[in-house]
Amino acid sequence: YGISRWLFGGALDMLLREMTRPLVIVRAAAKPRQAVVEMRRILLPLDTTQHSMHVPPAALQLARNLGASVVLCHVVTPLGTYQDASQAPPGVARIIDELLDSARQFLDQAAVEARSEGVAVEVAVSMGQAAPEIARLAERYDAGLIAMATRGSGRLSRVLGSVAYAVAQHGRVPCLLTPSPNVN
């Protein structure tokens, strides 16, 4: 895309920076049959930050309206080069296990709340880099949509990295991006 796109931004960049309401992003399909989106499952990546916690109500309402289920997921960042407790030294393995258990407990609690609203829910915890792992989970669970929060920040987030931006820009599954209430 070149440095001018990075400096000045494209249409998606501008939309993500300025959005104040949820936005659905659907990439152009390479083949006509890929353009058909089946909404049987919605992938809902969550973390423990406040900005991600305002997305579940909208995603759950959408799931109810469409008769879809929801896959709540959380991606744990690897500790150094260790992506699996079985390959790590004992102290690091214990920390990895604790992080994964904590993530499961967090998602299990969110799942109870989602089920109380009449939505079928699955839980997925994995370890890896967030954006590629979310894209992989969307494919694995055959999600028709990924519902994510975005902080909506501009050029600096692209330098530092924005998970929502990366998933929307490079993923193959449509994304529902919801800006944080504290943005703009």
Protein backbone atom coordinates (compact mmCIF):
# COMPACT_ATOMS: atom_id res chain seq x y z
CA TYR A 1 0.00 0.00 0.00
CA GLY A 2 2.93 2.32 0.35
CA ILE A 3 3.96 5.00 2.75
CA SER A 4 1.42 7.59 1.53
CA ARG A 5 -1.47 5.28 2.48
CA TRP A 6 0.11 4.79 5.89
CA LEU A 7 0.65 8.52 6.44
CA PHE A 8 -2.58 9.87 5.04
CA GLY A 9 -4.87 6.87 5.49
CA GLY A 10 -7.40 5.27 3.23
CA ALA A 11 -11.17 5.23 3.43
CA LEU A 12 -11.24 2.46 6.05
CA ASP A 13 -8.67 4.32 8.13
CA MET A 14 -10.76 7.48 8.07
CA LEU A 15 -13.96 5.61 8.93
CA LEU A 16 -12.33 3.87 11.87
CA ARG A 17 -10.92 7.16 13.17
CA GLU A 18 -14.16 9.10 12.90
CA MET A 19 -16.84 6.51 13.62
CA THR A 20 -19.19 7.18 16.49
CA ARG A 21 -21.59 4.30 15.81
CA PRO A 22 -21.09 0.61 15.05
CA LEU A 23 -19.75 -0.13 11.59
CA VAL A 24 -19.92 -3.38 9.61
CA ILE A 25 -16.98 -4.02 7.32
CA VAL A 26 -17.28 -6.65 4.59
CA ARG A 27 -14.28 -7.22 2.35
CA ALA A 28 -14.91 -7.62 -1.36
CA ALA A 29 -15.20 -11.31 -2.22
CA ALA A 30 -12.72 -12.93 -4.59
CA LYS A 31 -15.42 -15.35 -5.77
CA PRO A 32 -19.16 -14.61 -5.96
CA ARG A 33 -20.13 -17.46 -3.63
CA GLN A 34 -17.83 -16.05 -0.93
CA ALA A 35 -19.98 -12.93 -0.82
CA VAL A 36 -22.83 -14.85 0.79
CA VAL A 37 -22.52 -14.54 4.53
CA GLU A 38 -24.23 -17.10 6.72
CA MET A 39 -24.76 -15.76 10.18
CA ARG A 40 -24.93 -18.97 12.20
CA ARG A 41 -22.16 -17.88 14.58
CA ILE A 42 -20.79 -14.58 15.76
CA LEU A 43 -17.24 -14.52 17.13
CA LEU A 44 -16.97 -12.12 20.04
CA PRO A 45 -13.38 -11.50 21.15
CA LEU A 46 -13.24 -10.13 24.68
CA ASP A 47 -10.48 -8.92 26.91
CA THR A 48 -10.64 -7.48 30.38
CA THR A 49 -10.44 -3.84 29.28
CA GLN A 50 -13.44 -1.61 29.77
CA HIS A 51 -13.74 -0.74 26.06
CA SER A 52 -14.38 -4.37 25.05
CA MET A 53 -17.17 -4.84 27.59
CA HIS A 54 -19.70 -2.61 25.83
CA VAL A 55 -19.75 -4.83 22.71
CA PRO A 56 -21.53 -7.93 24.12
CA PRO A 57 -25.00 -6.34 24.44
CA ALA A 58 -25.05 -5.36 20.75
CA ALA A 59 -23.59 -8.69 19.62
CA LEU A 60 -26.04 -10.69 21.75
CA GLN A 61 -29.00 -8.70 20.46
CA LEU A 62 -27.82 -9.29 16.89
CA ALA A 63 -27.39 -13.01 17.62
CA ARG A 64 -30.91 -13.24 19.06
CA ASN A 65 -32.40 -11.39 16.09
CA LEU A 66 -30.59 -13.63 13.60
CA GLY A 67 -30.97 -16.88 15.52
CA ALA A 68 -27.19 -17.19 15.68
CA SER A 69 -24.97 -18.52 18.42
CA VAL A 70 -22.00 -16.68 19.87
CA VAL A 71 -18.43 -17.84 20.38
CA LEU A 72 -16.81 -15.83 23.16
CA CYS A 73 -13.05 -15.87 22.75
CA HIS A 74 -10.02 -14.54 24.54
CA VAL A 75 -6.49 -14.63 23.20
CA VAL A 76 -3.68 -14.84 25.74
CA THR A 77 -0.44 -13.22 24.61
CA PRO A 78 2.49 -15.66 24.61
CA LEU A 79 5.18 -15.31 27.24
CA GLY A 80 8.30 -14.66 25.22
CA THR A 81 8.74 -17.51 22.77
CA TYR A 82 6.54 -19.91 24.76
CA GLN A 83 3.12 -20.49 23.23
CA ASP A 84 2.43 -23.73 25.05
CA ALA A 85 2.95 -24.67 28.69
CA SER A 86 4.28 -28.09 27.71
CA GLN A 87 7.25 -26.45 25.96
CA ALA A 88 8.07 -23.96 28.72
CA PRO A 89 10.22 -24.24 31.83
CA PRO A 90 8.19 -25.12 34.97
CA GLY A 91 7.84 -21.55 36.31
CA VAL A 92 6.79 -20.16 32.94
CA ALA A 93 4.47 -23.15 32.37
CA ARG A 94 2.71 -22.42 35.65
CA ILE A 95 2.19 -18.78 34.65
CA ILE A 96 0.85 -19.81 31.22
CA ASP A 97 -1.57 -22.26 32.86
CA GLU A 98 -2.73 -19.56 35.28
CA LEU A 99 -3.28 -17.07 32.43
CA LEU A 100 -5.29 -19.62 30.44
CA ASP A 101 -7.35 -20.61 33.51
CA SER A 102 -8.03 -16.97 34.31
CA ALA A 103 -9.17 -16.37 30.72
CA ARG A 104 -11.50 -19.40 30.88
CA GLN A 105 -13.03 -18.16 34.13
CA PHE A 106 -13.52 -14.70 32.64
CA LEU A 107 -15.23 -16.12 29.55
CA ASP A 108 -17.29 -18.62 31.57
CA GLN A 109 -18.72 -15.72 33.57
CA ALA A 110 -19.51 -13.80 30.37
CA ALA A 111 -21.10 -16.96 28.93
CA VAL A 112 -23.46 -17.27 31.91
CA GLU A 113 -24.65 -13.72 31.30
CA ALA A 114 -25.08 -14.35 27.55
CA ARG A 115 -26.99 -17.59 28.10
CA SER A 116 -29.33 -15.80 30.50
CA GLU A 117 -30.35 -13.68 27.51
CA GLY A 118 -31.30 -16.77 25.52
CA VAL A 119 -28.26 -17.04 23.27
CA ALA A 120 -26.35 -20.28 22.67
CA VAL A 121 -22.72 -19.69 23.64
CA GLU A 122 -19.40 -21.46 23.16
CA VAL A 123 -16.13 -20.42 24.78
CA ALA A 124 -12.68 -20.46 23.15
CA VAL A 125 -9.41 -19.58 24.85
CA SER A 126 -6.18 -19.66 22.88
CA MET A 127 -2.67 -18.34 23.00
CA GLY A 128 -1.01 -16.31 20.26
CA GLN A 129 -0.87 -12.89 18.69
CA ALA A 130 -4.37 -11.41 18.94
CA ALA A 131 -5.25 -10.40 15.36
CA PRO A 132 -4.10 -13.55 13.51
CA GLU A 133 -5.49 -15.74 16.29
CA ILE A 134 -8.90 -14.06 16.12
CA ALA A 135 -8.94 -14.58 12.35
CA ARG A 136 -7.98 -18.24 12.85
CA LEU A 137 -10.72 -18.75 15.45
CA ALA A 138 -13.28 -17.15 13.12
CA GLU A 139 -12.36 -19.69 10.44
CA ARG A 140 -12.26 -22.59 12.91
CA TYR A 141 -15.74 -21.83 14.29
CA ASP A 142 -17.14 -20.90 10.87
CA ALA A 143 -18.15 -17.47 12.14
CA GLY A 144 -20.18 -15.29 9.83
CA LEU A 145 -19.24 -12.14 11.74
CA ILE A 146 -16.62 -10.92 14.20
CA ALA A 147 -17.94 -8.33 16.69
CA MET A 148 -15.17 -6.24 18.22
CA ALA A 149 -14.56 -3.03 20.07
CA THR A 150 -12.27 -0.40 18.67
CA ARG A 151 -10.73 2.51 20.45
CA GLY A 152 -11.07 4.47 17.21
CA SER A 153 -7.70 6.15 17.59
CA GLY A 154 -5.84 7.22 14.51
CA ARG A 155 -2.33 7.04 13.10
CA LEU A 156 -0.63 6.26 16.40
CA SER A 157 -2.67 3.06 16.87
CA ARG A 158 -1.48 1.88 13.47
CA VAL A 159 2.12 2.38 14.55
CA LEU A 160 1.56 0.63 17.87
CA GLY A 161 -0.94 -1.84 16.47
CA SER A 162 -4.69 -2.11 16.69
CA VAL A 163 -6.22 -5.57 16.85
CA ALA A 164 -9.58 -4.44 15.45
CA TYR A 165 -7.90 -2.58 12.61
CA ALA A 166 -5.74 -5.58 11.70
CA VAL A 167 -8.65 -8.03 11.80
CA ALA A 168 -10.87 -5.76 9.70
CA GLN A 169 -8.10 -4.91 7.23
CA HIS A 170 -6.73 -8.42 6.67
CA GLY A 171 -9.38 -10.88 7.83
CA ARG A 172 -11.78 -12.71 5.55
CA VAL A 173 -14.79 -12.58 7.89
CA PRO A 174 -17.04 -9.49 8.04
CA CYS A 175 -16.51 -7.38 11.17
CA LEU A 176 -18.89 -5.39 13.32
CA LEU A 177 -16.71 -2.73 14.91
CA THR A 178 -18.14 -0.75 17.81
CA PRO A 179 -16.31 2.36 19.00
CA SER A 180 -15.61 2.85 22.67
CA PRO A 181 -17.96 5.32 24.32
CA ASN A 182 -14.97 7.38 25.47
CA VAL A 183 -13.83 8.00 21.87
CA ASN A 184 -14.39 11.43 20.29
